[in-house]
PDB file of N, CA and C in Angstrom:
ATOM      1  N   VAL A   1      60.296 -34.973  -1.140  1.00  0.00           N
ATOM      2  CA  VAL A   1      59.417 -34.169  -2.146  1.00  0.00           C
ATOM      3  C   VAL A   1      59.956 -34.623  -3.497  1.00  0.00           C
ATOM      4  N   GLN A   2      59.025 -34.913  -4.582  1.00  0.00           N
ATOM      5  CA  GLN A   2      59.305 -35.315  -5.765  1.00  0.00           C
ATOM      6  C   GLN A   2      58.316 -34.617  -6.653  1.00  0.00           C
ATOM      7  N   LEU A   3      58.775 -33.923  -7.803  1.00  0.00           N
ATOM      8  CA  LEU A   3      57.944 -33.358  -8.895  1.00  0.00           C
ATOM      9  C   LEU A   3      58.359 -34.008 -10.022  1.00  0.00           C
ATOM     10  N   GLN A   4      57.506 -34.760 -10.653  1.00  0.00           N
ATOM     11  CA  GLN A   4      57.600 -35.556 -11.883  1.00  0.00           C
ATOM     12  C   GLN A   4      57.107 -34.883 -13.105  1.00  0.00           C
ATOM     13  N   ALA A   5      57.751 -34.202 -13.995  1.00  0.00           N
ATOM     14  CA  ALA A   5      57.201 -33.685 -15.144  1.00  0.00           C
ATOM     15  C   ALA A   5      57.211 -34.566 -16.286  1.00  0.00           C
ATOM     16  N   SER A   6      56.262 -34.531 -17.100  1.00  0.00           N
ATOM     17  CA  SER A   6      56.050 -35.321 -18.219  1.00  0.00           C
ATOM     18  C   SER A   6      55.246 -34.586 -19.302  1.00  0.00           C
ATOM     19  N   GLY A   7      55.218 -35.367 -20.682  1.00  0.00           N
ATOM     20  CA  GLY A   7      54.448 -34.727 -21.580  1.00  0.00           C
ATOM     21  C   GLY A   7      55.264 -34.122 -22.695  1.00  0.00           C
ATOM     22  N   GLY A   8      56.372 -33.759 -22.571  1.00  0.00           N
ATOM     23  CA  GLY A   8      57.017 -32.971 -23.521  1.00  0.00           C
ATOM     24  C   GLY A   8      57.358 -34.108 -24.826  1.00  0.00           C
ATOM     25  N   GLY A   9      57.897 -33.413 -25.772  1.00  0.00           N
ATOM     26  CA  GLY A   9      57.826 -34.120 -27.096  1.00  0.00           C
ATOM     27  C   GLY A   9      58.348 -33.344 -28.333  1.00  0.00           C
ATOM     28  N   LEU A  10      58.184 -33.926 -29.436  1.00  0.00           N
ATOM     29  CA  LEU A  10      58.417 -32.990 -30.565  1.00  0.00           C
ATOM     30  C   LEU A  10      57.024 -32.800 -31.356  1.00  0.00           C
ATOM     31  N   VAL A  11      56.858 -31.705 -31.603  1.00  0.00           N
ATOM     32  CA  VAL A  11      55.588 -31.148 -32.215  1.00  0.00           C
ATOM     33  C   VAL A  11      56.005 -30.142 -33.308  1.00  0.00           C
ATOM     34  N   GLN A  12      55.051 -30.042 -34.379  1.00  0.00           N
ATOM     35  CA  GLN A  12      55.243 -29.037 -35.318  1.00  0.00           C
ATOM     36  C   GLN A  12      54.740 -27.752 -34.955  1.00  0.00           C
ATOM     37  N   ALA A  13      55.188 -26.560 -35.380  1.00  0.00           N
ATOM     38  CA  ALA A  13      54.842 -25.292 -35.208  1.00  0.00           C
ATOM     39  C   ALA A  13      53.283 -25.179 -35.370  1.00  0.00           C
ATOM     40  N   GLY A  14      52.396 -24.585 -34.329  1.00  0.00           N
ATOM     41  CA  GLY A  14      51.024 -24.608 -34.747  1.00  0.00           C
ATOM     42  C   GLY A  14      50.379 -25.622 -33.801  1.00  0.00           C
ATOM     43  N   GLY A  15      51.206 -26.687 -33.357  1.00  0.00           N
ATOM     44  CA  GLY A  15      50.542 -27.701 -32.689  1.00  0.00           C
ATOM     45  C   GLY A  15      50.413 -27.402 -31.260  1.00  0.00           C
ATOM     46  N   SER A  16      49.951 -28.527 -30.417  1.00  0.00           N
ATOM     47  CA  SER A  16      49.664 -28.616 -29.020  1.00  0.00           C
ATOM     48  C   SER A  16      50.301 -29.632 -28.303  1.00  0.00           C
ATOM     49  N   LEU A  17      50.731 -29.331 -27.143  1.00  0.00           N
ATOM     50  CA  LEU A  17      51.056 -30.323 -26.088  1.00  0.00           C
ATOM     51  C   LEU A  17      50.589 -29.891 -24.802  1.00  0.00           C
ATOM     52  N   ARG A  18      50.430 -30.863 -23.979  1.00  0.00           N
ATOM     53  CA  ARG A  18      49.862 -30.734 -22.439  1.00  0.00           C
ATOM     54  C   ARG A  18      51.025 -31.241 -21.639  1.00  0.00           C
ATOM     55  N   LEU A  19      51.602 -30.523 -20.711  1.00  0.00           N
ATOM     56  CA  LEU A  19      52.553 -30.851 -19.877  1.00  0.00           C
ATOM     57  C   LEU A  19      51.779 -31.343 -18.457  1.00  0.00           C
ATOM     58  N   SER A  20      52.426 -32.261 -17.799  1.00  0.00           N
ATOM     59  CA  SER A  20      51.843 -32.745 -16.527  1.00  0.00           C
ATOM     60  C   SER A  20      52.855 -32.664 -15.624  1.00  0.00           C
ATOM     61  N   CYS A  21      52.683 -32.501 -14.232  1.00  0.00           N
ATOM     62  CA  CYS A  21      53.767 -32.524 -13.260  1.00  0.00           C
ATOM     63  C   CYS A  21      53.040 -33.057 -12.032  1.00  0.00           C
ATOM     64  N   ALA A  22      53.367 -34.204 -11.555  1.00  0.00           N
ATOM     65  CA  ALA A  22      52.762 -34.990 -10.381  1.00  0.00           C
ATOM     66  C   ALA A  22      53.636 -34.698  -9.311  1.00  0.00           C
ATOM     67  N   ALA A  23      53.223 -34.565  -8.201  1.00  0.00           N
ATOM     68  CA  ALA A  23      53.802 -34.289  -6.886  1.00  0.00           C
ATOM     69  C   ALA A  23      53.598 -35.013  -5.877  1.00  0.00           C
ATOM     70  N   THR A  24      54.765 -35.611  -5.222  1.00  0.00           N
ATOM     71  CA  THR A  24      54.420 -36.599  -3.950  1.00  0.00           C
ATOM     72  C   THR A  24      55.459 -35.918  -2.863  1.00  0.00           C
ATOM     73  N   GLY A  25      54.979 -36.261  -1.774  1.00  0.00           N
ATOM     74  CA  GLY A  25      55.771 -35.889  -0.553  1.00  0.00           C
ATOM     75  C   GLY A  25      55.580 -34.353   0.082  1.00  0.00           C
ATOM     76  N   LEU A  26      54.578 -33.808  -0.498  1.00  0.00           N
ATOM     77  CA  LEU A  26      54.364 -32.614   0.128  1.00  0.00           C
ATOM     78  C   LEU A  26      52.750 -32.337   0.153  1.00  0.00           C
ATOM     79  N   SER A  27      52.306 -31.254   1.046  1.00  0.00           N
ATOM     80  CA  SER A  27      50.843 -30.922   1.187  1.00  0.00           C
ATOM     81  C   SER A  27      50.572 -30.060  -0.101  1.00  0.00           C
ATOM     82  N   PHE A  28      50.088 -30.849  -1.084  1.00  0.00           N
ATOM     83  CA  PHE A  28      50.018 -30.190  -2.404  1.00  0.00           C
ATOM     84  C   PHE A  28      49.293 -29.018  -2.425  1.00  0.00           C
ATOM     85  N   SER A  29      48.168 -28.876  -1.769  1.00  0.00           N
ATOM     86  CA  SER A  29      47.191 -27.828  -1.881  1.00  0.00           C
ATOM     87  C   SER A  29      47.690 -26.529  -1.011  1.00  0.00           C
ATOM     88  N   ASN A  30      48.749 -26.642  -0.382  1.00  0.00           N
ATOM     89  CA  ASN A  30      49.431 -25.384   0.240  1.00  0.00           C
ATOM     90  C   ASN A  30      50.513 -24.839  -0.597  1.00  0.00           C
ATOM     91  N   TYR A  31      50.688 -25.455  -1.694  1.00  0.00           N
ATOM     92  CA  TYR A  31      51.731 -24.998  -2.566  1.00  0.00           C
ATOM     93  C   TYR A  31      51.471 -24.233  -3.730  1.00  0.00           C
ATOM     94  N   ALA A  32      51.852 -22.937  -4.027  1.00  0.00           N
ATOM     95  CA  ALA A  32      51.709 -22.472  -5.404  1.00  0.00           C
ATOM     96  C   ALA A  32      52.624 -23.138  -6.414  1.00  0.00           C
ATOM     97  N   LEU A  33      52.258 -23.309  -7.640  1.00  0.00           N
ATOM     98  CA  LEU A  33      52.936 -23.869  -8.528  1.00  0.00           C
ATOM     99  C   LEU A  33      53.177 -23.122  -9.909  1.00  0.00           C
ATOM    100  N   GLY A  34      54.515 -23.494 -10.318  1.00  0.00           N
ATOM    101  CA  GLY A  34      54.905 -22.793 -11.640  1.00  0.00           C
ATOM    102  C   GLY A  34      55.562 -23.778 -12.439  1.00  0.00           C
ATOM    103  N   TRP A  35      55.574 -23.155 -13.938  1.00  0.00           N
ATOM    104  CA  TRP A  35      56.207 -23.670 -14.904  1.00  0.00           C
ATOM    105  C   TRP A  35      57.427 -22.633 -15.296  1.00  0.00           C
ATOM    106  N   PHE A  36      58.571 -23.023 -15.456  1.00  0.00           N
ATOM    107  CA  PHE A  36      59.643 -22.333 -16.017  1.00  0.00           C
ATOM    108  C   PHE A  36      60.261 -23.120 -17.218  1.00  0.00           C
ATOM    109  N   ARG A  37      61.058 -22.436 -18.123  1.00  0.00           N
ATOM    110  CA  ARG A  37      61.771 -23.295 -19.239  1.00  0.00           C
ATOM    111  C   ARG A  37      63.077 -22.661 -19.247  1.00  0.00           C
ATOM    112  N   GLN A  38      63.881 -23.361 -19.953  1.00  0.00           N
ATOM    113  CA  GLN A  38      65.303 -23.097 -20.298  1.00  0.00           C
ATOM    114  C   GLN A  38      65.548 -23.581 -21.616  1.00  0.00           C
ATOM    115  N   ALA A  39      65.772 -22.591 -22.606  1.00  0.00           N
ATOM    116  CA  ALA A  39      66.255 -23.012 -23.891  1.00  0.00           C
ATOM    117  C   ALA A  39      67.864 -23.028 -23.890  1.00  0.00           C
ATOM    118  N   PRO A  40      68.479 -23.718 -24.839  1.00  0.00           N
ATOM    119  CA  PRO A  40      69.781 -24.205 -25.160  1.00  0.00           C
ATOM    120  C   PRO A  40      70.507 -22.695 -25.006  1.00  0.00           C
ATOM    121  N   GLY A  41      71.407 -22.406 -24.206  1.00  0.00           N
ATOM    122  CA  GLY A  41      72.230 -21.155 -24.200  1.00  0.00           C
ATOM    123  C   GLY A  41      71.579 -20.172 -23.456  1.00  0.00           C
ATOM    124  N   LYS A  42      70.276 -20.353 -23.011  1.00  0.00           N
ATOM    125  CA  LYS A  42      69.667 -19.065 -22.323  1.00  0.00           C
ATOM    126  C   LYS A  42      69.249 -19.488 -20.705  1.00  0.00           C
ATOM    127  N   GLU A  43      69.167 -18.431 -20.250  1.00  0.00           N
ATOM    128  CA  GLU A  43      68.734 -18.564 -18.738  1.00  0.00           C
ATOM    129  C   GLU A  43      67.375 -19.137 -18.632  1.00  0.00           C
ATOM    130  N   ARG A  44      67.044 -19.632 -17.551  1.00  0.00           N
ATOM    131  CA  ARG A  44      65.728 -20.151 -17.081  1.00  0.00           C
ATOM    132  C   ARG A  44      64.794 -18.994 -16.993  1.00  0.00           C
ATOM    133  N   GLU A  45      63.609 -19.165 -17.653  1.00  0.00           N
ATOM    134  CA  GLU A  45      62.666 -18.044 -17.736  1.00  0.00           C
ATOM    135  C   GLU A  45      61.340 -18.619 -17.012  1.00  0.00           C
ATOM    136  N   PHE A  46      60.622 -17.782 -16.550  1.00  0.00           N
ATOM    137  CA  PHE A  46      59.087 -17.999 -16.026  1.00  0.00           C
ATOM    138  C   PHE A  46      58.070 -17.975 -17.221  1.00  0.00           C
ATOM    139  N   VAL A  47      57.256 -19.111 -17.081  1.00  0.00           N
ATOM    140  CA  VAL A  47      56.108 -19.317 -18.085  1.00  0.00           C
ATOM    141  C   VAL A  47      54.874 -19.003 -17.465  1.00  0.00           C
ATOM    142  N   ALA A  48      54.531 -19.632 -16.441  1.00  0.00           N
ATOM    143  CA  ALA A  48      53.137 -19.550 -16.056  1.00  0.00           C
ATOM    144  C   ALA A  48      53.218 -20.127 -14.489  1.00  0.00           C
ATOM    145  N   ALA A  49      52.279 -19.612 -13.776  1.00  0.00           N
ATOM    146  CA  ALA A  49      52.272 -20.021 -12.332  1.00  0.00           C
ATOM    147  C   ALA A  49      50.627 -19.884 -11.935  1.00  0.00           C
ATOM    148  N   ILE A  50      50.284 -20.795 -10.810  1.00  0.00           N
ATOM    149  CA  ILE A  50      49.116 -20.734 -10.169  1.00  0.00           C
ATOM    150  C   ILE A  50      49.157 -20.929  -8.799  1.00  0.00           C
ATOM    151  N   SER A  51      48.176 -20.008  -8.236  1.00  0.00           N
ATOM    152  CA  SER A  51      48.073 -19.947  -6.693  1.00  0.00           C
ATOM    153  C   SER A  51      47.813 -21.397  -6.144  1.00  0.00           C
ATOM    154  N   TRP A  52      48.015 -21.288  -4.758  1.00  0.00           N
ATOM    155  CA  TRP A  52      47.530 -22.643  -4.099  1.00  0.00           C
ATOM    156  C   TRP A  52      46.302 -23.071  -4.213  1.00  0.00           C
ATOM    157  N   ASN A  53      45.304 -22.250  -4.347  1.00  0.00           N
ATOM    158  CA  ASN A  53      43.944 -22.865  -4.544  1.00  0.00           C
ATOM    159  C   ASN A  53      43.337 -22.649  -5.967  1.00  0.00           C
ATOM    160  N   GLY A  54      44.264 -22.444  -6.974  1.00  0.00           N
ATOM    161  CA  GLY A  54      43.930 -22.234  -8.401  1.00  0.00           C
ATOM    162  C   GLY A  54      43.151 -21.035  -8.610  1.00  0.00           C
ATOM    163  N   GLY A  55      42.995 -20.096  -7.728  1.00  0.00           N
ATOM    164  CA  GLY A  55      42.168 -18.757  -7.795  1.00  0.00           C
ATOM    165  C   GLY A  55      42.880 -17.905  -8.614  1.00  0.00           C
ATOM    166  N   SER A  56      44.220 -17.866  -8.751  1.00  0.00           N
ATOM    167  CA  SER A  56      45.018 -16.906  -9.572  1.00  0.00           C
ATOM    168  C   SER A  56      45.879 -17.558 -10.379  1.00  0.00           C
ATOM    169  N   THR A  57      46.172 -16.993 -11.627  1.00  0.00           N
ATOM    170  CA  THR A  57      46.999 -17.639 -12.515  1.00  0.00           C
ATOM    171  C   THR A  57      47.836 -16.495 -13.127  1.00  0.00           C
ATOM    172  N   PHE A  58      49.122 -16.578 -13.645  1.00  0.00           N
ATOM    173  CA  PHE A  58      50.057 -15.561 -14.153  1.00  0.00           C
ATOM    174  C   PHE A  58      50.795 -16.180 -15.164  1.00  0.00           C
ATOM    175  N   TYR A  59      51.071 -15.356 -16.047  1.00  0.00           N
ATOM    176  CA  TYR A  59      51.668 -15.790 -17.282  1.00  0.00           C
ATOM    177  C   TYR A  59      52.735 -14.746 -17.717  1.00  0.00           C
ATOM    178  N   ALA A  60      53.727 -15.377 -18.473  1.00  0.00           N
ATOM    179  CA  ALA A  60      54.788 -14.500 -19.111  1.00  0.00           C
ATOM    180  C   ALA A  60      54.143 -13.987 -20.399  1.00  0.00           C
ATOM    181  N   ASP A  61      54.578 -12.823 -20.686  1.00  0.00           N
ATOM    182  CA  ASP A  61      53.811 -12.327 -21.916  1.00  0.00           C
ATOM    183  C   ASP A  61      54.144 -13.176 -23.094  1.00  0.00           C
ATOM    184  N   SER A  62      55.005 -13.904 -23.200  1.00  0.00           N
ATOM    185  CA  SER A  62      55.153 -14.947 -24.343  1.00  0.00           C
ATOM    186  C   SER A  62      54.218 -16.048 -24.335  1.00  0.00           C
ATOM    187  N   ALA A  63      53.651 -16.197 -23.038  1.00  0.00           N
ATOM    188  CA  ALA A  63      52.785 -17.353 -22.880  1.00  0.00           C
ATOM    189  C   ALA A  63      51.226 -16.904 -22.879  1.00  0.00           C
ATOM    190  N   LYS A  64      51.044 -15.911 -22.913  1.00  0.00           N
ATOM    191  CA  LYS A  64      49.493 -15.191 -22.722  1.00  0.00           C
ATOM    192  C   LYS A  64      48.830 -15.550 -24.066  1.00  0.00           C
ATOM    193  N   GLY A  65      47.820 -16.058 -23.801  1.00  0.00           N
ATOM    194  CA  GLY A  65      46.676 -16.222 -24.934  1.00  0.00           C
ATOM    195  C   GLY A  65      46.947 -17.578 -25.646  1.00  0.00           C
ATOM    196  N   ARG A  66      48.215 -18.313 -25.331  1.00  0.00           N
ATOM    197  CA  ARG A  66      48.415 -19.678 -25.890  1.00  0.00           C
ATOM    198  C   ARG A  66      48.629 -20.719 -25.008  1.00  0.00           C
ATOM    199  N   PHE A  67      48.980 -20.408 -23.834  1.00  0.00           N
ATOM    200  CA  PHE A  67      49.457 -21.322 -22.678  1.00  0.00           C
ATOM    201  C   PHE A  67      48.316 -21.195 -21.681  1.00  0.00           C
ATOM    202  N   THR A  68      47.883 -22.407 -21.081  1.00  0.00           N
ATOM    203  CA  THR A  68      46.842 -22.517 -19.961  1.00  0.00           C
ATOM    204  C   THR A  68      47.456 -23.308 -18.712  1.00  0.00           C
ATOM    205  N   ILE A  69      47.706 -22.636 -17.433  1.00  0.00           N
ATOM    206  CA  ILE A  69      48.144 -23.372 -16.429  1.00  0.00           C
ATOM    207  C   ILE A  69      46.700 -23.860 -15.612  1.00  0.00           C
ATOM    208  N   SER A  70      46.872 -25.029 -15.008  1.00  0.00           N
ATOM    209  CA  SER A  70      45.670 -25.479 -14.248  1.00  0.00           C
ATOM    210  C   SER A  70      46.141 -26.472 -13.296  1.00  0.00           C
ATOM    211  N   ARG A  71      45.565 -26.796 -12.243  1.00  0.00           N
ATOM    212  CA  ARG A  71      45.915 -27.670 -11.134  1.00  0.00           C
ATOM    213  C   ARG A  71      44.499 -28.810 -10.838  1.00  0.00           C
ATOM    214  N   ASP A  72      45.156 -29.932 -10.425  1.00  0.00           N
ATOM    215  CA  ASP A  72      43.846 -30.826  -9.792  1.00  0.00           C
ATOM    216  C   ASP A  72      44.670 -31.110  -8.361  1.00  0.00           C
ATOM    217  N   ASN A  73      44.126 -30.547  -7.325  1.00  0.00           N
ATOM    218  CA  ASN A  73      44.512 -31.010  -6.000  1.00  0.00           C
ATOM    219  C   ASN A  73      44.359 -32.212  -5.562  1.00  0.00           C
ATOM    220  N   ALA A  74      43.068 -32.825  -6.131  1.00  0.00           N
ATOM    221  CA  ALA A  74      42.855 -34.141  -5.800  1.00  0.00           C
ATOM    222  C   ALA A  74      44.025 -35.172  -6.326  1.00  0.00           C
ATOM    223  N   LYS A  75      44.523 -34.646  -7.468  1.00  0.00           N
ATOM    224  CA  LYS A  75      45.500 -35.648  -8.105  1.00  0.00           C
ATOM    225  C   LYS A  75      47.007 -35.286  -7.927  1.00  0.00           C
ATOM    226  N   ASN A  76      47.061 -34.137  -6.947  1.00  0.00           N
ATOM    227  CA  ASN A  76      48.485 -33.583  -6.748  1.00  0.00           C
ATOM    228  C   ASN A  76      49.277 -33.228  -8.214  1.00  0.00           C
ATOM    229  N   THR A  77      48.402 -32.822  -9.093  1.00  0.00           N
ATOM    230  CA  THR A  77      49.174 -32.545 -10.366  1.00  0.00           C
ATOM    231  C   THR A  77      48.687 -31.145 -10.815  1.00  0.00           C
ATOM    232  N   VAL A  78      49.749 -30.677 -11.488  1.00  0.00           N
ATOM    233  CA  VAL A  78      49.682 -29.203 -12.272  1.00  0.00           C
ATOM    234  C   VAL A  78      49.753 -29.517 -13.659  1.00  0.00           C
ATOM    235  N   TYR A  79      49.129 -28.962 -14.540  1.00  0.00           N
ATOM    236  CA  TYR A  79      49.195 -28.951 -16.049  1.00  0.00           C
ATOM    237  C   TYR A  79      49.474 -27.605 -16.650  1.00  0.00           C
ATOM    238  N   LEU A  80      50.225 -27.828 -17.761  1.00  0.00           N
ATOM    239  CA  LEU A  80      50.519 -26.694 -18.687  1.00  0.00           C
ATOM    240  C   LEU A  80      49.883 -27.104 -20.184  1.00  0.00           C
ATOM    241  N   GLN A  81      48.856 -26.445 -20.582  1.00  0.00           N
ATOM    242  CA  GLN A  81      48.256 -26.657 -21.846  1.00  0.00           C
ATOM    243  C   GLN A  81      48.911 -25.611 -22.844  1.00  0.00           C
ATOM    244  N   MET A  82      49.525 -26.105 -23.800  1.00  0.00           N
ATOM    245  CA  MET A  82      50.394 -25.304 -24.668  1.00  0.00           C
ATOM    246  C   MET A  82      49.729 -25.440 -26.168  1.00  0.00           C
ATOM    247  N   ASN A  83      49.241 -24.324 -26.669  1.00  0.00           N
ATOM    248  CA  ASN A  83      48.510 -24.303 -27.916  1.00  0.00           C
ATOM    249  C   ASN A  83      49.483 -23.304 -28.841  1.00  0.00           C
ATOM    250  N   SER A  84      49.228 -23.427 -30.117  1.00  0.00           N
ATOM    251  CA  SER A  84      49.954 -22.571 -31.165  1.00  0.00           C
ATOM    252  C   SER A  84      51.196 -22.366 -30.756  1.00  0.00           C
ATOM    253  N   LEU A  85      52.042 -23.512 -30.791  1.00  0.00           N
ATOM    254  CA  LEU A  85      53.362 -23.556 -30.253  1.00  0.00           C
ATOM    255  C   LEU A  85      54.189 -23.010 -31.426  1.00  0.00           C
ATOM    256  N   LYS A  86      55.369 -22.491 -30.902  1.00  0.00           N
ATOM    257  CA  LYS A  86      56.301 -21.868 -31.877  1.00  0.00           C
ATOM    258  C   LYS A  86      57.787 -22.398 -31.770  1.00  0.00           C
ATOM    259  N   PRO A  87      58.573 -22.284 -32.836  1.00  0.00           N
ATOM    260  CA  PRO A  87      59.774 -22.788 -32.541  1.00  0.00           C
ATOM    261  C   PRO A  87      60.688 -22.239 -31.222  1.00  0.00           C
ATOM    262  N   GLU A  88      60.339 -20.941 -31.106  1.00  0.00           N
ATOM    263  CA  GLU A  88      60.850 -20.273 -29.986  1.00  0.00           C
ATOM    264  C   GLU A  88      60.472 -20.985 -28.615  1.00  0.00           C
ATOM    265  N   ASP A  89      59.422 -21.824 -28.665  1.00  0.00           N
ATOM    266  CA  ASP A  89      58.918 -22.299 -27.269  1.00  0.00           C
ATOM    267  C   ASP A  89      59.783 -23.593 -26.996  1.00  0.00           C
ATOM    268  N   THR A  90      60.778 -23.869 -28.049  1.00  0.00           N
ATOM    269  CA  THR A  90      61.557 -25.008 -27.788  1.00  0.00           C
ATOM    270  C   THR A  90      62.464 -24.762 -26.516  1.00  0.00           C
ATOM    271  N   ALA A  91      62.477 -25.691 -25.620  1.00  0.00           N
ATOM    272  CA  ALA A  91      63.162 -25.756 -24.143  1.00  0.00           C
ATOM    273  C   ALA A  91      62.886 -26.846 -23.395  1.00  0.00           C
ATOM    274  N   VAL A  92      63.743 -27.152 -22.278  1.00  0.00           N
ATOM    275  CA  VAL A  92      63.262 -27.863 -21.245  1.00  0.00           C
ATOM    276  C   VAL A  92      62.294 -27.209 -20.166  1.00  0.00           C
ATOM    277  N   TYR A  93      61.250 -27.771 -19.930  1.00  0.00           N
ATOM    278  CA  TYR A  93      60.299 -27.192 -19.183  1.00  0.00           C
ATOM    279  C   TYR A  93      60.225 -27.959 -17.737  1.00  0.00           C
ATOM    280  N   TYR A  94      60.360 -27.028 -16.793  1.00  0.00           N
ATOM    281  CA  TYR A  94      60.554 -27.335 -15.372  1.00  0.00           C
ATOM    282  C   TYR A  94      59.214 -26.986 -14.591  1.00  0.00           C
ATOM    283  N   CYS A  95      58.580 -28.010 -13.873  1.00  0.00           N
ATOM    284  CA  CYS A  95      57.586 -27.387 -12.708  1.00  0.00           C
ATOM    285  C   CYS A  95      58.249 -27.309 -11.538  1.00  0.00           C
ATOM    286  N   ALA A  96      57.870 -26.302 -10.639  1.00  0.00           N
ATOM    287  CA  ALA A  96      58.091 -26.121  -9.342  1.00  0.00           C
ATOM    288  C   ALA A  96      57.240 -25.711  -8.522  1.00  0.00           C
ATOM    289  N   ALA A  97      57.525 -25.993  -7.247  1.00  0.00           N
ATOM    290  CA  ALA A  97      56.547 -25.633  -6.049  1.00  0.00           C
ATOM    291  C   ALA A  97      57.061 -24.752  -5.110  1.00  0.00           C
ATOM    292  N   ALA A  98      56.091 -23.679  -4.717  1.00  0.00           N
ATOM    293  CA  ALA A  98      56.494 -22.713  -3.583  1.00  0.00           C
ATOM    294  C   ALA A  98      55.432 -22.770  -2.636  1.00  0.00           C
ATOM    295  N   LEU A  99      56.079 -22.671  -1.301  1.00  0.00           N
ATOM    296  CA  LEU A  99      54.965 -22.987  -0.224  1.00  0.00           C
ATOM    297  C   LEU A  99      54.259 -21.362  -0.057  1.00  0.00           C
ATOM    298  N   GLY A 100      52.950 -21.448   0.035  1.00  0.00           N
ATOM    299  CA  GLY A 100      52.359 -20.067   0.402  1.00  0.00           C
ATOM    300  C   GLY A 100      52.135 -19.237  -0.835  1.00  0.00           C
ATOM    301  N   THR A 101      52.472 -17.973  -0.769  1.00  0.00           N
ATOM    302  CA  THR A 101      52.333 -16.879  -1.828  1.00  0.00           C
ATOM    303  C   THR A 101      53.680 -16.499  -2.153  1.00  0.00           C
ATOM    304  N   PRO A 102      54.192 -17.003  -3.345  1.00  0.00           N
ATOM    305  CA  PRO A 102      55.715 -16.574  -3.570  1.00  0.00           C
ATOM    306  C   PRO A 102      55.511 -15.415  -4.598  1.00  0.00           C
ATOM    307  N   THR A 103      56.769 -14.757  -4.915  1.00  0.00           N
ATOM    308  CA  THR A 103      56.879 -13.916  -6.066  1.00  0.00           C
ATOM    309  C   THR A 103      56.849 -14.855  -7.293  1.00  0.00           C
ATOM    310  N   TYR A 104      55.878 -14.994  -7.951  1.00  0.00           N
ATOM    311  CA  TYR A 104      55.412 -15.749  -8.822  1.00  0.00           C
ATOM    312  C   TYR A 104      56.363 -16.022  -9.958  1.00  0.00           C
ATOM    313  N   GLY A 105      56.755 -14.923 -10.620  1.00  0.00           N
ATOM    314  CA  GLY A 105      57.798 -15.066 -11.726  1.00  0.00           C
ATOM    315  C   GLY A 105      59.236 -15.241 -11.288  1.00  0.00           C
ATOM    316  N   ASN A 106      59.576 -15.169 -10.015  1.00  0.00           N
ATOM    317  CA  ASN A 106      60.912 -15.448  -9.509  1.00  0.00           C
ATOM    318  C   ASN A 106      61.362 -16.888  -9.126  1.00  0.00           C
ATOM    319  N   SER A 107      62.105 -17.415  -9.884  1.00  0.00           N
ATOM    320  CA  SER A 107      62.788 -18.918  -9.634  1.00  0.00           C
ATOM    321  C   SER A 107      63.135 -19.036  -8.322  1.00  0.00           C
ATOM    322  N   ARG A 108      63.671 -17.961  -7.770  1.00  0.00           N
ATOM    323  CA  ARG A 108      64.335 -18.186  -6.401  1.00  0.00           C
ATOM    324  C   ARG A 108      63.236 -18.250  -5.163  1.00  0.00           C
ATOM    325  N   SER A 109      61.832 -17.996  -5.563  1.00  0.00           N
ATOM    326  CA  SER A 109      60.770 -18.196  -4.770  1.00  0.00           C
ATOM    327  C   SER A 109      60.314 -19.599  -4.479  1.00  0.00           C
ATOM    328  N   TYR A 110      60.893 -20.436  -5.381  1.00  0.00           N
ATOM    329  CA  TYR A 110      60.223 -21.785  -5.482  1.00  0.00           C
ATOM    330  C   TYR A 110      61.234 -22.873  -4.673  1.00  0.00           C
ATOM    331  N   HIS A 111      60.572 -23.712  -3.772  1.00  0.00           N
ATOM    332  CA  HIS A 111      61.316 -24.589  -3.009  1.00  0.00           C
ATOM    333  C   HIS A 111      61.643 -25.770  -3.606  1.00  0.00           C
ATOM    334  N   TYR A 112      60.934 -26.479  -4.366  1.00  0.00           N
ATOM    335  CA  TYR A 112      61.097 -27.554  -5.044  1.00  0.00           C
ATOM    336  C   TYR A 112      60.874 -27.752  -6.485  1.00  0.00           C
ATOM    337  N   TRP A 113      61.765 -28.456  -7.091  1.00  0.00           N
ATOM    338  CA  TRP A 113      61.959 -28.523  -8.716  1.00  0.00           C
ATOM    339  C   TRP A 113      61.749 -29.885  -9.146  1.00  0.00           C
ATOM    340  N   GLY A 114      60.980 -29.993 -10.432  1.00  0.00           N
ATOM    341  CA  GLY A 114      61.106 -31.115 -11.085  1.00  0.00           C
ATOM    342  C   GLY A 114      62.296 -31.349 -11.967  1.00  0.00           C
ATOM    343  N   GLN A 115      62.513 -32.397 -12.584  1.00  0.00           N
ATOM    344  CA  GLN A 115      63.579 -32.704 -13.457  1.00  0.00           C
ATOM    345  C   GLN A 115      63.629 -32.074 -14.844  1.00  0.00           C
ATOM    346  N   GLY A 116      62.525 -31.679 -15.442  1.00  0.00           N
ATOM    347  CA  GLY A 116      62.227 -30.978 -16.508  1.00  0.00           C
ATOM    348  C   GLY A 116      61.832 -31.952 -17.695  1.00  0.00           C
ATOM    349  N   THR A 117      61.141 -31.690 -18.609  1.00  0.00           N
ATOM    350  CA  THR A 117      60.720 -32.320 -19.715  1.00  0.00           C
ATOM    351  C   THR A 117      61.037 -31.462 -21.008  1.00  0.00           C
ATOM    352  N   LEU A 118      61.629 -32.081 -21.998  1.00  0.00           N
ATOM    353  CA  LEU A 118      62.038 -31.528 -23.238  1.00  0.00           C
ATOM    354  C   LEU A 118      60.827 -31.125 -24.248  1.00  0.00           C
ATOM    355  N   VAL A 119      60.690 -30.003 -24.691  1.00  0.00           N
ATOM    356  CA  VAL A 119      59.678 -29.688 -25.691  1.00  0.00           C
ATOM    357  C   VAL A 119      60.481 -29.123 -26.914  1.00  0.00           C
ATOM    358  N   THR A 120      60.108 -29.902 -27.972  1.00  0.00           N
ATOM    359  CA  THR A 120      60.939 -29.440 -29.302  1.00  0.00           C
ATOM    360  C   THR A 120      59.704 -29.041 -30.334  1.00  0.00           C
ATOM    361  N   VAL A 121      59.815 -27.879 -30.787  1.00  0.00           N
ATOM    362  CA  VAL A 121      58.957 -27.334 -31.765  1.00  0.00           C
ATOM    363  C   VAL A 121      59.766 -27.113 -33.209  1.00  0.00           C
ATOM    364  N   SER A 122      59.091 -27.889 -34.134  1.00  0.00           N
ATOM    365  CA  SER A 122      59.821 -27.730 -35.417  1.00  0.00           C
ATOM    366  C   SER A 122      58.965 -26.787 -36.221  1.00  0.00           C
ATOM    367  N   SER A 123      59.838 -26.199 -37.096  1.00  0.00           N
ATOM    368  CA  SER A 123      59.262 -25.125 -38.097  1.00  0.00           C
ATOM    369  C   SER A 123      58.694 -25.634 -39.274  1.00  0.00           C
TER     370      SER A 123
END
């Protein structure tokens, strides 16, 4: 199983980025997917998640109204559209996959993890 995250980069505050995570080696449509992030010196935290069929989405308070998670099961890819970025959004962003219906905000519910992509938001 491999999750390959991409789309990170340097952006000014107020800007946008779209992260992608392509999965191989698993039955993608059977998995819930999540995005987590880890800022320097901080613990990994939940950002957003989407159910196996895309019918339900979940967001951390910090992401609500600014970020949108979506998935394309035909492409085995999950996305995180991030708008109105703030310097405090600076972190390494990780995608993760959980079989079935996990506790979406709990990183320990996820079975597979990508390598992370760095997002840096300048003020």
